[in-house]
Amino acid sequence: QVQLVESGGGLVQAGGSLRLSCAASGGIFSWSDMGWFRQAPGKEREFVAAIRWSSGSTYYSDSVKGRFTISRDNAKNTMYLQMNSLRPEDTAVYLCAVRTKGSWGSILPTDYAHWGQGTQVTVSS
């Protein structure tokens, strides 16, 4: 059974940085794709970034491109999201998940499963 646990969230001022972690257990295979999403109160879950576990290939939403970097450590079965130049509009619960449907490049939450519990990121102005 795949389990994902996010950590690293917190309160930061605008312009600051945070690094989120997503620790995976229970069978993340080398061919898995994983993603970060976020959800603000009253809003739909929004795609942030994804990574192909085998190759390290990545893609990002336009709203975070150039500010956020997704990466993974194969030995630790952990995915990261380095967030720089944070803005108040980045405030949300950040969640990681495994893509189980669709294809590489999918930004649909319904194509992902095994969601973690999320970690809160709050950016003050």
C-alpha atoms as a PDB file:
ATOM      1  CA  GLN A   1       0.000   0.000   0.000  1.00  0.00           C
ATOM      2  CA  VAL A   2       1.498   3.306  -1.108  1.00  0.00           C
ATOM      3  CA  GLN A   3       1.708   5.957   1.580  1.00  0.00           C
ATOM      4  CA  LEU A   4       2.806   9.563   1.128  1.00  0.00           C
ATOM      5  CA  VAL A   5       3.662  11.955   3.940  1.00  0.00           C
ATOM      6  CA  GLU A   6       4.249  15.660   3.316  1.00  0.00           C
ATOM      7  CA  SER A   7       6.253  17.961   5.563  1.00  0.00           C
ATOM      8  CA  GLY A   8       8.042  21.295   5.492  1.00  0.00           C
ATOM      9  CA  GLY A   9       5.184  23.746   5.395  1.00  0.00           C
ATOM     10  CA  GLY A  10       4.981  26.837   7.557  1.00  0.00           C
ATOM     11  CA  LEU A  11       4.555  30.588   7.731  1.00  0.00           C
ATOM     12  CA  VAL A  12       6.872  32.729   5.630  1.00  0.00           C
ATOM     13  CA  GLN A  13       6.956  36.335   4.471  1.00  0.00           C
ATOM     14  CA  ALA A  14       6.455  37.240   0.845  1.00  0.00           C
ATOM     15  CA  GLY A  15       9.688  36.773  -1.065  1.00  0.00           C
ATOM     16  CA  GLY A  16      10.831  34.000   1.235  1.00  0.00           C
ATOM     17  CA  SER A  17      11.481  30.319   0.590  1.00  0.00           C
ATOM     18  CA  LEU A  18      10.344  26.929   1.828  1.00  0.00           C
ATOM     19  CA  ARG A  19      11.200  23.359   0.884  1.00  0.00           C
ATOM     20  CA  LEU A  20       8.484  20.761   1.067  1.00  0.00           C
ATOM     21  CA  SER A  21       9.140  17.039   1.282  1.00  0.00           C
ATOM     22  CA  CYS A  22       6.979  14.081   0.298  1.00  0.00           C
ATOM     23  CA  ALA A  23       8.206  10.794   1.757  1.00  0.00           C
ATOM     24  CA  ALA A  24       6.913   7.713  -0.055  1.00  0.00           C
ATOM     25  CA  SER A  25       6.634   4.138   1.146  1.00  0.00           C
ATOM     26  CA  GLY A  26       4.967   0.941   0.044  1.00  0.00           C
ATOM     27  CA  GLY A  27       5.940   0.653  -3.576  1.00  0.00           C
ATOM     28  CA  ILE A  28       6.896   3.739  -5.521  1.00  0.00           C
ATOM     29  CA  PHE A  29       8.296   2.143  -8.621  1.00  0.00           C
ATOM     30  CA  SER A  30      10.956   3.603 -10.840  1.00  0.00           C
ATOM     31  CA  TRP A  31       8.397   4.235 -13.570  1.00  0.00           C
ATOM     32  CA  SER A  32       6.010   6.254 -11.410  1.00  0.00           C
ATOM     33  CA  ASP A  33       5.165   9.879 -12.012  1.00  0.00           C
ATOM     34  CA  MET A  34       4.470  12.019  -8.981  1.00  0.00           C
ATOM     35  CA  GLY A  35       3.032  15.447  -8.531  1.00  0.00           C
ATOM     36  CA  TRP A  36       2.470  18.353  -6.195  1.00  0.00           C
ATOM     37  CA  PHE A  37      -0.909  20.034  -5.970  1.00  0.00           C
ATOM     38  CA  ARG A  38      -2.255  22.782  -3.758  1.00  0.00           C
ATOM     39  CA  GLN A  39      -5.657  23.745  -2.483  1.00  0.00           C
ATOM     40  CA  ALA A  40      -6.632  27.084  -0.991  1.00  0.00           C
ATOM     41  CA  PRO A  41      -9.825  27.526   1.058  1.00  0.00           C
ATOM     42  CA  GLY A  42     -12.868  27.619  -1.165  1.00  0.00           C
ATOM     43  CA  LYS A  43     -10.881  26.796  -4.298  1.00  0.00           C
ATOM     44  CA  GLU A  44     -10.379  23.686  -6.374  1.00  0.00           C
ATOM     45  CA  ARG A  45      -7.269  21.564  -6.127  1.00  0.00           C
ATOM     46  CA  GLU A  46      -4.654  23.021  -8.440  1.00  0.00           C
ATOM     47  CA  PHE A  47      -1.718  21.346 -10.167  1.00  0.00           C
ATOM     48  CA  VAL A  48       1.699  22.734  -9.239  1.00  0.00           C
ATOM     49  CA  ALA A  49       4.438  20.458 -10.603  1.00  0.00           C
ATOM     50  CA  ALA A  50       5.201  16.869 -11.541  1.00  0.00           C
ATOM     51  CA  ILE A  51       8.262  14.677 -11.926  1.00  0.00           C
ATOM     52  CA  ARG A  52       8.980  11.400 -13.687  1.00  0.00           C
ATOM     53  CA  TRP A  53      10.641   9.246 -11.066  1.00  0.00           C
ATOM     54  CA  SER A  54      12.835   7.307 -13.503  1.00  0.00           C
ATOM     55  CA  SER A  55      14.270  10.163 -15.550  1.00  0.00           C
ATOM     56  CA  GLY A  56      13.738  13.219 -13.387  1.00  0.00           C
ATOM     57  CA  SER A  57      11.841  14.992 -16.164  1.00  0.00           C
ATOM     58  CA  THR A  58       9.639  17.766 -14.833  1.00  0.00           C
ATOM     59  CA  TYR A  59       6.860  20.153 -15.760  1.00  0.00           C
ATOM     60  CA  TYR A  60       5.237  23.041 -13.945  1.00  0.00           C
ATOM     61  CA  SER A  61       2.149  25.162 -13.909  1.00  0.00           C
ATOM     62  CA  ASP A  62       2.651  28.605 -15.381  1.00  0.00           C
ATOM     63  CA  SER A  63       1.932  30.198 -12.007  1.00  0.00           C
ATOM     64  CA  VAL A  64       5.035  28.673 -10.379  1.00  0.00           C
ATOM     65  CA  LYS A  65       7.394  28.212 -13.305  1.00  0.00           C
ATOM     66  CA  GLY A  66      10.723  29.866 -12.579  1.00  0.00           C
ATOM     67  CA  ARG A  67      10.048  30.083  -8.842  1.00  0.00           C
ATOM     68  CA  PHE A  68       9.473  26.474  -7.772  1.00  0.00           C
ATOM     69  CA  THR A  69      11.672  23.437  -8.408  1.00  0.00           C
ATOM     70  CA  ILE A  70      10.544  19.833  -8.087  1.00  0.00           C
ATOM     71  CA  SER A  71      13.105  17.096  -7.488  1.00  0.00           C
ATOM     72  CA  ARG A  72      13.426  13.604  -6.063  1.00  0.00           C
ATOM     73  CA  ASP A  73      15.921  11.502  -4.159  1.00  0.00           C
ATOM     74  CA  ASN A  74      15.648   7.902  -5.340  1.00  0.00           C
ATOM     75  CA  ALA A  75      17.624   6.511  -2.419  1.00  0.00           C
ATOM     76  CA  LYS A  76      15.322   8.172   0.098  1.00  0.00           C
ATOM     77  CA  ASN A  77      12.087   7.654  -1.878  1.00  0.00           C
ATOM     78  CA  THR A  78      11.408  11.324  -1.272  1.00  0.00           C
ATOM     79  CA  MET A  79      10.160  14.080  -3.549  1.00  0.00           C
ATOM     80  CA  TYR A  80      10.805  17.749  -2.870  1.00  0.00           C
ATOM     81  CA  LEU A  81       9.357  21.088  -3.827  1.00  0.00           C
ATOM     82  CA  GLN A  82      11.721  24.027  -3.416  1.00  0.00           C
ATOM     83  CA  MET A  83       9.624  27.177  -3.367  1.00  0.00           C
ATOM     84  CA  ASN A  84      11.345  30.543  -3.823  1.00  0.00           C
ATOM     85  CA  SER A  85      10.038  34.080  -4.226  1.00  0.00           C
ATOM     86  CA  LEU A  86       6.844  33.086  -2.448  1.00  0.00           C
ATOM     87  CA  ARG A  87       3.755  35.238  -2.851  1.00  0.00           C
ATOM     88  CA  PRO A  88       0.610  35.559  -0.735  1.00  0.00           C
ATOM     89  CA  GLU A  89      -1.328  33.831  -3.508  1.00  0.00           C
ATOM     90  CA  ASP A  90       0.821  30.715  -2.956  1.00  0.00           C
ATOM     91  CA  THR A  91      -0.916  30.229   0.401  1.00  0.00           C
ATOM     92  CA  ALA A  92      -2.587  26.810   0.388  1.00  0.00           C
ATOM     93  CA  VAL A  93      -2.397  23.251   1.630  1.00  0.00           C
ATOM     94  CA  TYR A  94       0.178  21.471  -0.502  1.00  0.00           C
ATOM     95  CA  LEU A  95      -0.346  17.784  -1.270  1.00  0.00           C
ATOM     96  CA  CYS A  96       1.631  15.146  -3.115  1.00  0.00           C
ATOM     97  CA  ALA A  97       0.252  12.211  -5.066  1.00  0.00           C
ATOM     98  CA  VAL A  98       1.113   9.480  -7.552  1.00  0.00           C
ATOM     99  CA  ARG A  99      -0.245   9.559 -11.099  1.00  0.00           C
ATOM    100  CA  THR A 100      -2.240   6.383 -11.636  1.00  0.00           C
ATOM    101  CA  LYS A 101      -4.261   7.307 -14.749  1.00  0.00           C
ATOM    102  CA  GLY A 102      -3.912   9.440 -17.824  1.00  0.00           C
ATOM    103  CA  SER A 103      -0.512  10.222 -19.260  1.00  0.00           C
ATOM    104  CA  TRP A 104       2.656  12.170 -18.604  1.00  0.00           C
ATOM    105  CA  GLY A 105       1.772  15.837 -18.542  1.00  0.00           C
ATOM    106  CA  SER A 106      -1.578  15.364 -16.833  1.00  0.00           C
ATOM    107  CA  ILE A 107      -2.592  18.168 -14.494  1.00  0.00           C
ATOM    108  CA  LEU A 108      -5.911  16.607 -13.507  1.00  0.00           C
ATOM    109  CA  PRO A 109      -6.247  15.717  -9.815  1.00  0.00           C
ATOM    110  CA  THR A 110      -8.472  12.812 -10.853  1.00  0.00           C
ATOM    111  CA  ASP A 111      -5.488  11.187 -12.590  1.00  0.00           C
ATOM    112  CA  TYR A 112      -3.621  11.033  -9.287  1.00  0.00           C
ATOM    113  CA  ALA A 113      -4.093   8.889  -6.174  1.00  0.00           C
ATOM    114  CA  HIS A 114      -2.538   7.946  -2.841  1.00  0.00           C
ATOM    115  CA  TRP A 115      -2.787  11.531  -1.628  1.00  0.00           C
ATOM    116  CA  GLY A 116      -0.856  12.578   1.441  1.00  0.00           C
ATOM    117  CA  GLN A 117      -2.491  14.509   4.267  1.00  0.00           C
ATOM    118  CA  GLY A 118      -1.033  17.815   3.075  1.00  0.00           C
ATOM    119  CA  THR A 119       1.132  20.499   4.611  1.00  0.00           C
ATOM    120  CA  GLN A 120       0.032  24.106   5.130  1.00  0.00           C
ATOM    121  CA  VAL A 121       1.973  26.917   3.486  1.00  0.00           C
ATOM    122  CA  THR A 122       1.076  30.458   4.517  1.00  0.00           C
ATOM    123  CA  VAL A 123       2.727  33.462   2.892  1.00  0.00           C
ATOM    124  CA  SER A 124       2.213  36.802   4.591  1.00  0.00           C
ATOM    125  CA  SER A 125       2.364  40.099   2.736  1.00  0.00           C
END
